[in-house]
N, C-alpha and C. Protein backbone atom coordinates (compact mmCIF):
# COMPACT_ATOMS: atom_id res chain seq x y z
N MET A 1 20.03 4.83 -56.66
CA MET A 1 19.13 5.22 -55.59
C MET A 1 19.02 6.75 -55.58
N PRO A 2 17.80 7.33 -55.54
CA PRO A 2 17.64 8.76 -55.58
C PRO A 2 18.16 9.40 -54.30
N ALA A 3 18.72 10.58 -54.44
CA ALA A 3 19.23 11.30 -53.28
C ALA A 3 18.07 11.91 -52.52
N ILE A 4 18.22 11.99 -51.20
CA ILE A 4 17.19 12.59 -50.37
C ILE A 4 17.59 14.04 -50.14
N SER A 5 16.68 14.93 -50.44
CA SER A 5 16.98 16.35 -50.25
C SER A 5 17.02 16.65 -48.76
N GLU A 6 17.67 17.76 -48.42
CA GLU A 6 17.74 18.16 -47.02
C GLU A 6 16.35 18.43 -46.47
N GLU A 7 15.49 19.00 -47.33
CA GLU A 7 14.14 19.31 -46.89
C GLU A 7 13.38 18.05 -46.51
N SER A 8 13.40 17.03 -47.38
CA SER A 8 12.67 15.81 -47.07
C SER A 8 13.31 15.08 -45.89
N SER A 9 14.63 15.18 -45.77
CA SER A 9 15.33 14.57 -44.66
C SER A 9 14.92 15.23 -43.35
N SER A 10 14.80 16.55 -43.33
CA SER A 10 14.40 17.24 -42.11
C SER A 10 12.93 16.98 -41.80
N GLN A 11 12.11 16.79 -42.84
CA GLN A 11 10.71 16.45 -42.60
C GLN A 11 10.62 15.08 -41.97
N THR A 12 11.44 14.14 -42.43
CA THR A 12 11.44 12.80 -41.85
C THR A 12 11.85 12.87 -40.39
N GLY A 13 12.86 13.67 -40.08
CA GLY A 13 13.28 13.85 -38.69
C GLY A 13 12.18 14.45 -37.85
N ALA A 14 11.46 15.42 -38.42
CA ALA A 14 10.34 16.04 -37.71
C ALA A 14 9.24 15.02 -37.47
N SER A 15 8.98 14.18 -38.45
CA SER A 15 7.95 13.14 -38.29
C SER A 15 8.32 12.19 -37.17
N ALA A 16 9.60 11.84 -37.11
CA ALA A 16 10.05 10.93 -36.06
C ALA A 16 9.88 11.59 -34.69
N LYS A 17 10.20 12.87 -34.58
CA LYS A 17 10.04 13.59 -33.31
C LYS A 17 8.58 13.64 -32.92
N LEU A 18 7.68 13.91 -33.89
CA LEU A 18 6.26 13.94 -33.59
C LEU A 18 5.80 12.58 -33.09
N ALA A 19 6.25 11.51 -33.72
CA ALA A 19 5.85 10.16 -33.31
C ALA A 19 6.31 9.87 -31.89
N GLU A 20 7.51 10.35 -31.53
CA GLU A 20 8.03 10.11 -30.19
C GLU A 20 7.14 10.76 -29.14
N ASN A 21 6.55 11.91 -29.47
CA ASN A 21 5.76 12.64 -28.51
C ASN A 21 4.33 12.13 -28.40
N GLN A 22 3.92 11.25 -29.29
CA GLN A 22 2.56 10.75 -29.27
C GLN A 22 2.42 9.69 -28.20
N PRO A 23 1.21 9.59 -27.63
CA PRO A 23 0.99 8.54 -26.64
C PRO A 23 1.26 7.17 -27.24
N VAL A 24 1.72 6.26 -26.40
CA VAL A 24 2.07 4.92 -26.85
C VAL A 24 0.86 4.20 -27.41
N ASN A 25 -0.31 4.43 -26.79
CA ASN A 25 -1.48 3.66 -27.19
C ASN A 25 -2.29 4.30 -28.31
N THR A 26 -1.77 5.31 -28.98
CA THR A 26 -2.43 5.88 -30.14
C THR A 26 -2.36 4.87 -31.27
N GLU A 27 -3.52 4.56 -31.86
CA GLU A 27 -3.53 3.56 -32.93
C GLU A 27 -3.03 4.16 -34.23
N ILE A 28 -2.37 3.33 -34.99
CA ILE A 28 -1.88 3.70 -36.31
C ILE A 28 -2.82 3.09 -37.33
N SER A 29 -3.37 3.93 -38.18
CA SER A 29 -4.32 3.46 -39.17
C SER A 29 -3.58 2.80 -40.33
N HIS A 30 -4.11 1.68 -40.77
CA HIS A 30 -3.51 0.97 -41.90
C HIS A 30 -4.52 0.78 -43.02
N VAL A 31 -5.30 1.82 -43.30
CA VAL A 31 -6.26 1.73 -44.39
C VAL A 31 -5.51 2.01 -45.68
N ALA A 32 -5.65 1.09 -46.62
CA ALA A 32 -5.01 1.26 -47.92
C ALA A 32 -6.08 1.64 -48.93
N VAL A 33 -5.77 2.59 -49.80
CA VAL A 33 -6.71 3.00 -50.83
C VAL A 33 -6.30 2.34 -52.15
N VAL A 34 -7.27 1.65 -52.75
CA VAL A 34 -7.05 0.98 -54.02
C VAL A 34 -7.78 1.79 -55.08
N ASN A 35 -7.04 2.42 -55.98
CA ASN A 35 -7.64 3.25 -57.01
C ASN A 35 -7.97 2.41 -58.24
N SER A 36 -9.18 1.87 -58.23
CA SER A 36 -9.65 1.04 -59.33
C SER A 36 -11.16 0.86 -59.19
N VAL A 37 -11.84 0.83 -60.32
CA VAL A 37 -13.28 0.59 -60.30
C VAL A 37 -13.56 -0.84 -59.84
N ARG A 38 -12.80 -1.76 -60.37
CA ARG A 38 -12.92 -3.18 -60.01
C ARG A 38 -11.52 -3.71 -59.72
N PRO A 39 -11.08 -3.64 -58.45
CA PRO A 39 -9.68 -3.98 -58.11
C PRO A 39 -9.32 -5.43 -58.39
N LYS A 40 -8.11 -5.58 -58.89
CA LYS A 40 -7.53 -6.90 -59.13
C LYS A 40 -6.57 -7.21 -57.97
N PRO A 41 -6.26 -8.49 -57.75
CA PRO A 41 -5.39 -8.86 -56.64
C PRO A 41 -4.06 -8.08 -56.62
N GLU A 42 -3.45 -7.88 -57.79
CA GLU A 42 -2.16 -7.17 -57.84
C GLU A 42 -2.31 -5.72 -57.37
N GLN A 43 -3.43 -5.08 -57.73
CA GLN A 43 -3.66 -3.68 -57.33
C GLN A 43 -3.88 -3.58 -55.82
N VAL A 44 -4.62 -4.52 -55.27
CA VAL A 44 -4.87 -4.53 -53.82
C VAL A 44 -3.55 -4.77 -53.08
N GLY A 45 -2.76 -5.72 -53.55
CA GLY A 45 -1.47 -5.99 -52.93
C GLY A 45 -0.54 -4.80 -52.97
N ALA A 46 -0.47 -4.13 -54.11
CA ALA A 46 0.39 -2.95 -54.25
C ALA A 46 -0.06 -1.82 -53.32
N ALA A 47 -1.38 -1.62 -53.20
CA ALA A 47 -1.90 -0.57 -52.32
C ALA A 47 -1.58 -0.87 -50.86
N PHE A 48 -1.70 -2.14 -50.46
CA PHE A 48 -1.38 -2.54 -49.09
C PHE A 48 0.10 -2.32 -48.77
N LEU A 49 0.97 -2.75 -49.66
CA LEU A 49 2.41 -2.58 -49.44
C LEU A 49 2.80 -1.11 -49.41
N GLN A 50 2.14 -0.28 -50.23
CA GLN A 50 2.41 1.15 -50.20
C GLN A 50 1.95 1.76 -48.87
N ALA A 51 0.81 1.33 -48.37
CA ALA A 51 0.33 1.81 -47.07
C ALA A 51 1.29 1.42 -45.95
N CYS A 52 1.86 0.22 -46.03
CA CYS A 52 2.86 -0.21 -45.05
C CYS A 52 4.07 0.71 -45.09
N GLN A 53 4.52 1.01 -46.30
CA GLN A 53 5.68 1.88 -46.46
C GLN A 53 5.38 3.30 -45.96
N ASP A 54 4.19 3.79 -46.26
CA ASP A 54 3.80 5.13 -45.84
C ASP A 54 3.70 5.24 -44.32
N SER A 55 3.41 4.15 -43.63
CA SER A 55 3.26 4.19 -42.18
C SER A 55 4.59 4.17 -41.43
N GLU A 56 5.69 3.96 -42.14
CA GLU A 56 7.00 3.86 -41.47
C GLU A 56 7.30 5.09 -40.62
N ALA A 57 7.04 6.28 -41.14
CA ALA A 57 7.35 7.51 -40.40
C ALA A 57 6.52 7.63 -39.13
N SER A 58 5.26 7.18 -39.16
CA SER A 58 4.42 7.29 -37.97
C SER A 58 4.77 6.23 -36.91
N ILE A 59 5.42 5.16 -37.32
CA ILE A 59 5.81 4.10 -36.39
C ILE A 59 7.16 4.41 -35.75
N ARG A 60 8.04 5.04 -36.52
CA ARG A 60 9.39 5.33 -36.06
C ARG A 60 9.34 6.16 -34.77
N GLY A 61 10.14 5.78 -33.80
CA GLY A 61 10.23 6.53 -32.56
C GLY A 61 9.24 6.08 -31.50
N ARG A 62 8.35 5.19 -31.82
CA ARG A 62 7.38 4.69 -30.84
C ARG A 62 7.98 3.49 -30.11
N ASP A 63 7.54 3.30 -28.89
CA ASP A 63 7.96 2.12 -28.13
C ASP A 63 7.08 0.96 -28.56
N LEU A 64 7.58 0.13 -29.43
CA LEU A 64 6.79 -0.96 -30.00
C LEU A 64 6.45 -2.04 -28.98
N PHE A 65 7.19 -2.08 -27.86
CA PHE A 65 6.91 -3.07 -26.83
C PHE A 65 5.76 -2.63 -25.92
N ARG A 66 5.31 -1.42 -26.08
CA ARG A 66 4.19 -0.92 -25.26
C ARG A 66 3.07 -0.37 -26.15
N ALA A 67 3.01 -0.81 -27.37
CA ALA A 67 2.02 -0.31 -28.31
C ALA A 67 0.64 -0.92 -28.04
N ALA A 68 -0.40 -0.17 -28.39
CA ALA A 68 -1.77 -0.65 -28.22
C ALA A 68 -2.11 -1.74 -29.23
N GLN A 69 -1.42 -1.73 -30.36
CA GLN A 69 -1.69 -2.70 -31.42
C GLN A 69 -0.57 -3.72 -31.49
N SER A 70 -0.92 -4.91 -31.95
CA SER A 70 0.09 -5.93 -32.20
C SER A 70 0.86 -5.53 -33.45
N LEU A 71 2.07 -6.01 -33.57
CA LEU A 71 2.90 -5.75 -34.74
C LEU A 71 3.25 -7.09 -35.37
N ILE A 72 3.00 -7.24 -36.66
CA ILE A 72 3.35 -8.44 -37.39
C ILE A 72 4.40 -8.06 -38.43
N VAL A 73 5.54 -8.74 -38.41
CA VAL A 73 6.58 -8.55 -39.42
C VAL A 73 6.47 -9.71 -40.39
N PHE A 74 6.37 -9.39 -41.68
CA PHE A 74 6.20 -10.44 -42.68
C PHE A 74 7.25 -10.32 -43.77
N ASP A 75 7.50 -11.45 -44.44
CA ASP A 75 8.45 -11.40 -45.55
C ASP A 75 7.80 -11.68 -46.89
N HIS A 76 6.55 -12.14 -46.89
CA HIS A 76 5.85 -12.38 -48.15
C HIS A 76 4.37 -12.08 -47.94
N PHE A 77 3.77 -11.42 -48.92
CA PHE A 77 2.36 -11.06 -48.85
C PHE A 77 1.77 -11.25 -50.24
N GLU A 78 0.61 -11.89 -50.29
CA GLU A 78 -0.04 -12.11 -51.59
C GLU A 78 -1.55 -12.06 -51.43
N VAL A 79 -2.20 -11.34 -52.34
CA VAL A 79 -3.65 -11.33 -52.37
C VAL A 79 -4.08 -12.51 -53.22
N LYS A 80 -4.81 -13.42 -52.61
CA LYS A 80 -5.24 -14.64 -53.31
C LYS A 80 -6.55 -14.44 -54.06
N GLN A 81 -7.45 -13.64 -53.48
CA GLN A 81 -8.77 -13.49 -54.09
C GLN A 81 -9.37 -12.15 -53.69
N VAL A 82 -10.09 -11.53 -54.63
CA VAL A 82 -10.86 -10.32 -54.37
C VAL A 82 -12.32 -10.67 -54.62
N HIS A 83 -13.17 -10.41 -53.62
CA HIS A 83 -14.59 -10.73 -53.74
C HIS A 83 -15.39 -9.45 -53.51
N ILE A 84 -16.14 -9.01 -54.53
CA ILE A 84 -16.92 -7.78 -54.42
C ILE A 84 -18.38 -8.08 -54.76
N THR A 85 -19.26 -7.62 -53.87
CA THR A 85 -20.70 -7.69 -54.13
C THR A 85 -21.28 -6.34 -53.77
N GLY A 86 -21.48 -5.48 -54.75
CA GLY A 86 -21.98 -4.14 -54.47
C GLY A 86 -20.90 -3.27 -53.86
N ASN A 87 -21.22 -2.63 -52.73
CA ASN A 87 -20.26 -1.72 -52.09
C ASN A 87 -19.30 -2.41 -51.14
N PRO A 88 -19.75 -3.44 -50.41
CA PRO A 88 -18.77 -4.12 -49.56
C PRO A 88 -18.09 -5.25 -50.32
N GLY A 89 -17.03 -5.71 -49.76
CA GLY A 89 -16.33 -6.85 -50.32
C GLY A 89 -15.28 -7.31 -49.35
N TRP A 90 -14.47 -8.24 -49.77
CA TRP A 90 -13.37 -8.72 -48.95
C TRP A 90 -12.27 -9.24 -49.85
N VAL A 91 -11.09 -9.34 -49.27
CA VAL A 91 -9.97 -9.94 -49.97
C VAL A 91 -9.42 -11.04 -49.09
N GLU A 92 -8.99 -12.10 -49.74
CA GLU A 92 -8.31 -13.18 -49.02
C GLU A 92 -6.83 -13.01 -49.28
N VAL A 93 -6.07 -12.91 -48.21
CA VAL A 93 -4.63 -12.71 -48.33
C VAL A 93 -3.88 -13.86 -47.69
N GLN A 94 -2.69 -14.08 -48.18
CA GLN A 94 -1.77 -15.02 -47.54
C GLN A 94 -0.56 -14.21 -47.12
N ILE A 95 -0.23 -14.33 -45.85
CA ILE A 95 0.87 -13.54 -45.30
C ILE A 95 1.81 -14.48 -44.55
N ASP A 96 3.10 -14.39 -44.87
CA ASP A 96 4.11 -15.23 -44.21
C ASP A 96 4.74 -14.41 -43.09
N GLU A 97 4.35 -14.73 -41.88
CA GLU A 97 4.80 -14.00 -40.70
C GLU A 97 6.14 -14.52 -40.20
N LEU A 98 6.97 -13.59 -39.75
CA LEU A 98 8.26 -13.95 -39.15
C LEU A 98 8.27 -13.73 -37.65
N VAL A 99 7.74 -12.57 -37.24
CA VAL A 99 7.80 -12.14 -35.85
C VAL A 99 6.51 -11.40 -35.52
N SER A 100 6.07 -11.52 -34.26
CA SER A 100 4.97 -10.69 -33.80
C SER A 100 5.34 -10.09 -32.45
N LEU A 101 4.88 -8.87 -32.25
CA LEU A 101 5.05 -8.19 -30.96
C LEU A 101 3.66 -7.89 -30.44
N THR A 102 3.36 -8.37 -29.26
CA THR A 102 2.09 -8.07 -28.62
C THR A 102 2.41 -7.60 -27.22
N GLY A 103 2.18 -6.32 -27.00
CA GLY A 103 2.57 -5.75 -25.71
C GLY A 103 4.07 -5.87 -25.56
N SER A 104 4.51 -6.38 -24.44
CA SER A 104 5.96 -6.53 -24.21
C SER A 104 6.46 -7.89 -24.65
N LYS A 105 5.58 -8.71 -25.23
CA LYS A 105 5.95 -10.08 -25.60
C LYS A 105 6.30 -10.15 -27.09
N ALA A 106 7.51 -10.59 -27.38
CA ALA A 106 7.95 -10.81 -28.76
C ALA A 106 7.94 -12.30 -29.02
N GLU A 107 7.37 -12.67 -30.16
CA GLU A 107 7.27 -14.07 -30.50
C GLU A 107 7.83 -14.30 -31.90
N VAL A 108 8.76 -15.23 -31.99
CA VAL A 108 9.33 -15.59 -33.28
C VAL A 108 8.57 -16.80 -33.79
N HIS A 109 7.97 -16.66 -34.94
CA HIS A 109 7.25 -17.78 -35.53
C HIS A 109 7.23 -17.57 -37.03
N LYS A 110 7.67 -18.57 -37.72
CA LYS A 110 7.64 -18.50 -39.17
C LYS A 110 6.46 -19.35 -39.61
N ARG A 111 5.39 -18.64 -39.97
CA ARG A 111 4.18 -19.36 -40.40
C ARG A 111 3.48 -18.58 -41.49
N SER A 112 2.74 -19.32 -42.27
CA SER A 112 1.96 -18.73 -43.33
C SER A 112 0.50 -18.77 -42.90
N GLU A 113 -0.17 -17.64 -43.05
CA GLU A 113 -1.54 -17.55 -42.58
C GLU A 113 -2.43 -16.92 -43.64
N ARG A 114 -3.63 -17.42 -43.77
CA ARG A 114 -4.62 -16.83 -44.68
C ARG A 114 -5.61 -16.04 -43.84
N GLN A 115 -5.92 -14.83 -44.32
CA GLN A 115 -6.85 -13.97 -43.60
C GLN A 115 -7.80 -13.33 -44.61
N ARG A 116 -8.95 -12.87 -44.10
CA ARG A 116 -9.88 -12.09 -44.91
C ARG A 116 -9.94 -10.69 -44.35
N TRP A 117 -9.77 -9.72 -45.25
CA TRP A 117 -9.81 -8.32 -44.86
C TRP A 117 -10.95 -7.63 -45.57
N LEU A 118 -11.52 -6.64 -44.92
CA LEU A 118 -12.64 -5.88 -45.46
C LEU A 118 -12.20 -4.97 -46.61
N LEU A 119 -13.01 -4.95 -47.63
CA LEU A 119 -12.81 -4.05 -48.77
C LEU A 119 -14.12 -3.28 -48.91
N ARG A 120 -14.03 -1.94 -48.83
CA ARG A 120 -15.23 -1.11 -48.85
C ARG A 120 -15.10 -0.01 -49.90
N ARG A 121 -16.15 0.18 -50.69
CA ARG A 121 -16.13 1.20 -51.74
C ARG A 121 -16.07 2.59 -51.11
N ARG A 122 -15.12 3.41 -51.58
CA ARG A 122 -15.00 4.82 -51.16
C ARG A 122 -15.84 5.71 -52.04
N ASP A 123 -15.67 5.52 -53.34
CA ASP A 123 -16.41 6.28 -54.34
C ASP A 123 -16.45 5.44 -55.61
N ASN A 124 -16.81 6.04 -56.73
CA ASN A 124 -16.94 5.27 -57.97
C ASN A 124 -15.64 4.71 -58.50
N LYS A 125 -14.50 5.26 -58.04
CA LYS A 125 -13.22 4.86 -58.62
C LYS A 125 -12.22 4.31 -57.61
N SER A 126 -12.63 4.14 -56.35
CA SER A 126 -11.65 3.65 -55.38
C SER A 126 -12.32 2.86 -54.24
N TRP A 127 -11.47 2.06 -53.59
CA TRP A 127 -11.88 1.19 -52.50
C TRP A 127 -10.92 1.38 -51.33
N GLU A 128 -11.39 1.09 -50.12
CA GLU A 128 -10.54 1.08 -48.93
C GLU A 128 -10.35 -0.36 -48.46
N LEU A 129 -9.12 -0.73 -48.29
CA LEU A 129 -8.78 -2.04 -47.74
C LEU A 129 -8.44 -1.84 -46.27
N THR A 130 -9.11 -2.58 -45.41
CA THR A 130 -8.88 -2.45 -43.98
C THR A 130 -8.44 -3.79 -43.41
N PRO A 131 -7.13 -3.93 -43.17
CA PRO A 131 -6.65 -5.13 -42.47
C PRO A 131 -7.16 -5.11 -41.03
N SER A 132 -6.82 -6.07 -40.27
CA SER A 132 -7.21 -6.14 -38.87
C SER A 132 -6.86 -4.83 -38.17
N ARG A 133 -7.83 -4.22 -37.51
CA ARG A 133 -7.63 -2.91 -36.88
C ARG A 133 -6.66 -2.95 -35.69
N ASP A 134 -6.54 -4.09 -35.05
CA ASP A 134 -5.68 -4.17 -33.87
C ASP A 134 -4.27 -4.65 -34.20
N THR A 135 -3.90 -4.58 -35.49
CA THR A 135 -2.59 -5.07 -35.90
C THR A 135 -1.92 -4.09 -36.86
N ILE A 136 -0.62 -3.92 -36.67
CA ILE A 136 0.21 -3.16 -37.59
C ILE A 136 1.02 -4.18 -38.37
N TYR A 137 1.02 -4.10 -39.69
CA TYR A 137 1.78 -5.02 -40.53
C TYR A 137 2.98 -4.29 -41.10
N LEU A 138 4.14 -4.91 -40.99
CA LEU A 138 5.36 -4.32 -41.54
C LEU A 138 6.14 -5.33 -42.36
N PRO A 139 6.52 -4.95 -43.58
CA PRO A 139 7.42 -5.81 -44.34
C PRO A 139 8.76 -5.91 -43.60
N GLN A 140 9.45 -7.00 -43.80
CA GLN A 140 10.70 -7.27 -43.10
C GLN A 140 11.71 -6.13 -43.23
N HIS A 141 11.93 -5.62 -44.43
CA HIS A 141 12.97 -4.59 -44.61
C HIS A 141 12.65 -3.30 -43.86
N ILE A 142 11.38 -2.96 -43.74
CA ILE A 142 11.00 -1.76 -42.99
C ILE A 142 11.17 -2.02 -41.49
N ALA A 143 10.76 -3.18 -41.03
CA ALA A 143 10.91 -3.53 -39.61
C ALA A 143 12.38 -3.52 -39.21
N GLU A 144 13.25 -4.04 -40.09
CA GLU A 144 14.69 -4.03 -39.79
C GLU A 144 15.19 -2.60 -39.57
N ARG A 145 14.79 -1.69 -40.45
CA ARG A 145 15.22 -0.29 -40.32
C ARG A 145 14.71 0.33 -39.03
N ILE A 146 13.42 0.13 -38.73
CA ILE A 146 12.83 0.74 -37.54
C ILE A 146 13.46 0.19 -36.27
N LEU A 147 13.61 -1.13 -36.18
CA LEU A 147 14.17 -1.74 -34.98
C LEU A 147 15.64 -1.39 -34.81
N ALA A 148 16.38 -1.32 -35.92
CA ALA A 148 17.80 -0.95 -35.83
C ALA A 148 17.95 0.49 -35.34
N ARG A 149 17.10 1.38 -35.84
CA ARG A 149 17.14 2.78 -35.38
C ARG A 149 16.79 2.87 -33.90
N GLU A 150 15.77 2.10 -33.50
CA GLU A 150 15.34 2.12 -32.10
C GLU A 150 16.46 1.60 -31.19
N LEU A 151 17.15 0.53 -31.61
CA LEU A 151 18.26 -0.01 -30.82
C LEU A 151 19.40 1.01 -30.74
N ALA A 152 19.71 1.64 -31.85
CA ALA A 152 20.77 2.65 -31.84
C ALA A 152 20.41 3.82 -30.93
N GLN A 153 19.16 4.26 -30.99
CA GLN A 153 18.72 5.37 -30.14
C GLN A 153 18.78 4.99 -28.67
N LEU A 154 18.33 3.78 -28.33
CA LEU A 154 18.39 3.31 -26.94
C LEU A 154 19.83 3.22 -26.46
N THR A 155 20.70 2.75 -27.32
CA THR A 155 22.11 2.58 -26.95
C THR A 155 22.74 3.94 -26.64
N GLU A 156 22.36 4.96 -27.38
CA GLU A 156 22.91 6.30 -27.15
C GLU A 156 22.28 6.99 -25.96
N ASP A 157 20.94 6.82 -25.80
CA ASP A 157 20.21 7.62 -24.81
C ASP A 157 20.04 6.98 -23.45
N THR A 158 20.09 5.66 -23.37
CA THR A 158 19.74 4.97 -22.13
C THR A 158 20.99 4.64 -21.33
N PRO A 159 21.04 5.10 -20.08
CA PRO A 159 22.15 4.65 -19.23
C PRO A 159 21.99 3.15 -18.99
N ASP A 160 23.05 2.51 -18.58
CA ASP A 160 22.99 1.06 -18.38
C ASP A 160 22.18 0.72 -17.14
N ASN A 161 20.86 0.68 -17.32
CA ASN A 161 20.00 0.23 -16.24
C ASN A 161 19.31 -1.05 -16.70
N ALA A 162 18.71 -1.77 -15.78
CA ALA A 162 18.13 -3.08 -16.10
C ALA A 162 17.06 -2.98 -17.17
N GLY A 163 16.16 -2.00 -17.09
CA GLY A 163 15.08 -1.86 -18.07
C GLY A 163 15.61 -1.59 -19.46
N GLY A 164 16.55 -0.67 -19.57
CA GLY A 164 17.13 -0.33 -20.87
C GLY A 164 17.91 -1.49 -21.45
N THR A 165 18.63 -2.21 -20.62
CA THR A 165 19.42 -3.35 -21.07
C THR A 165 18.50 -4.46 -21.58
N GLN A 166 17.40 -4.71 -20.87
CA GLN A 166 16.46 -5.74 -21.30
C GLN A 166 15.82 -5.37 -22.64
N GLU A 167 15.44 -4.12 -22.78
CA GLU A 167 14.82 -3.70 -24.05
C GLU A 167 15.81 -3.78 -25.20
N LYS A 168 17.06 -3.40 -24.94
CA LYS A 168 18.09 -3.51 -25.98
C LYS A 168 18.30 -4.96 -26.37
N ALA A 169 18.29 -5.86 -25.39
CA ALA A 169 18.47 -7.29 -25.66
C ALA A 169 17.31 -7.83 -26.51
N LYS A 170 16.07 -7.42 -26.19
CA LYS A 170 14.91 -7.85 -26.98
C LYS A 170 15.04 -7.38 -28.43
N LEU A 171 15.40 -6.12 -28.59
CA LEU A 171 15.56 -5.57 -29.94
C LEU A 171 16.66 -6.30 -30.71
N ALA A 172 17.76 -6.57 -30.03
CA ALA A 172 18.88 -7.27 -30.68
C ALA A 172 18.46 -8.68 -31.11
N ARG A 173 17.71 -9.37 -30.26
CA ARG A 173 17.23 -10.72 -30.62
C ARG A 173 16.29 -10.67 -31.82
N LEU A 174 15.38 -9.70 -31.84
CA LEU A 174 14.46 -9.56 -32.98
C LEU A 174 15.22 -9.27 -34.27
N LEU A 175 16.19 -8.37 -34.18
CA LEU A 175 16.99 -8.05 -35.37
C LEU A 175 17.77 -9.26 -35.84
N ASP A 176 18.27 -10.04 -34.91
CA ASP A 176 19.00 -11.26 -35.27
C ASP A 176 18.10 -12.20 -36.07
N VAL A 177 16.88 -12.37 -35.63
CA VAL A 177 15.93 -13.24 -36.34
C VAL A 177 15.65 -12.69 -37.74
N LEU A 178 15.43 -11.39 -37.83
CA LEU A 178 15.10 -10.79 -39.13
C LEU A 178 16.29 -10.83 -40.10
N PHE A 179 17.50 -10.64 -39.58
CA PHE A 179 18.67 -10.63 -40.46
C PHE A 179 19.13 -12.05 -40.83
N GLU A 180 18.68 -13.06 -40.08
CA GLU A 180 19.05 -14.45 -40.38
C GLU A 180 18.56 -14.89 -41.75
N LYS A 181 17.42 -14.42 -42.13
CA LYS A 181 16.76 -14.90 -43.36
C LYS A 181 17.61 -14.70 -44.59
């Protein structure tokens, strides 16, 4: 595993601090750029997963129970089909969801769902993939890291009051579900 330099580590800390100061209802963009003249399913899938990974810093430090967007935690993602006609297009994806957070409601559900997402030409050599605008998608391993950090931060910063205890309990239950797999 590559070592993280102090500079990149401090930048990550700064990113987390910036995210904490942002309004809860600020939307997080999940547009993925696919660098290909004619994208194949593997390229679209790789671009989407990279966009999920890149969004980790902007999500860290936010109160996910009060977010404007729903959060879907998934453990498997696959692009089934890419359909292009001129400049617009779409992709059909299959996503295996584990957990969803909508407002203050956390729901555990293990289901596989097929969705169609917009694919739009950016220029001659690239496309933009736009999943559902009102949803943040996170792979399981990233969600585990974010939720564990949030629980640790709450445990250190929050005095034992009813609101803090309830939020810690919700986070602990979600982590339990994610770590069970």
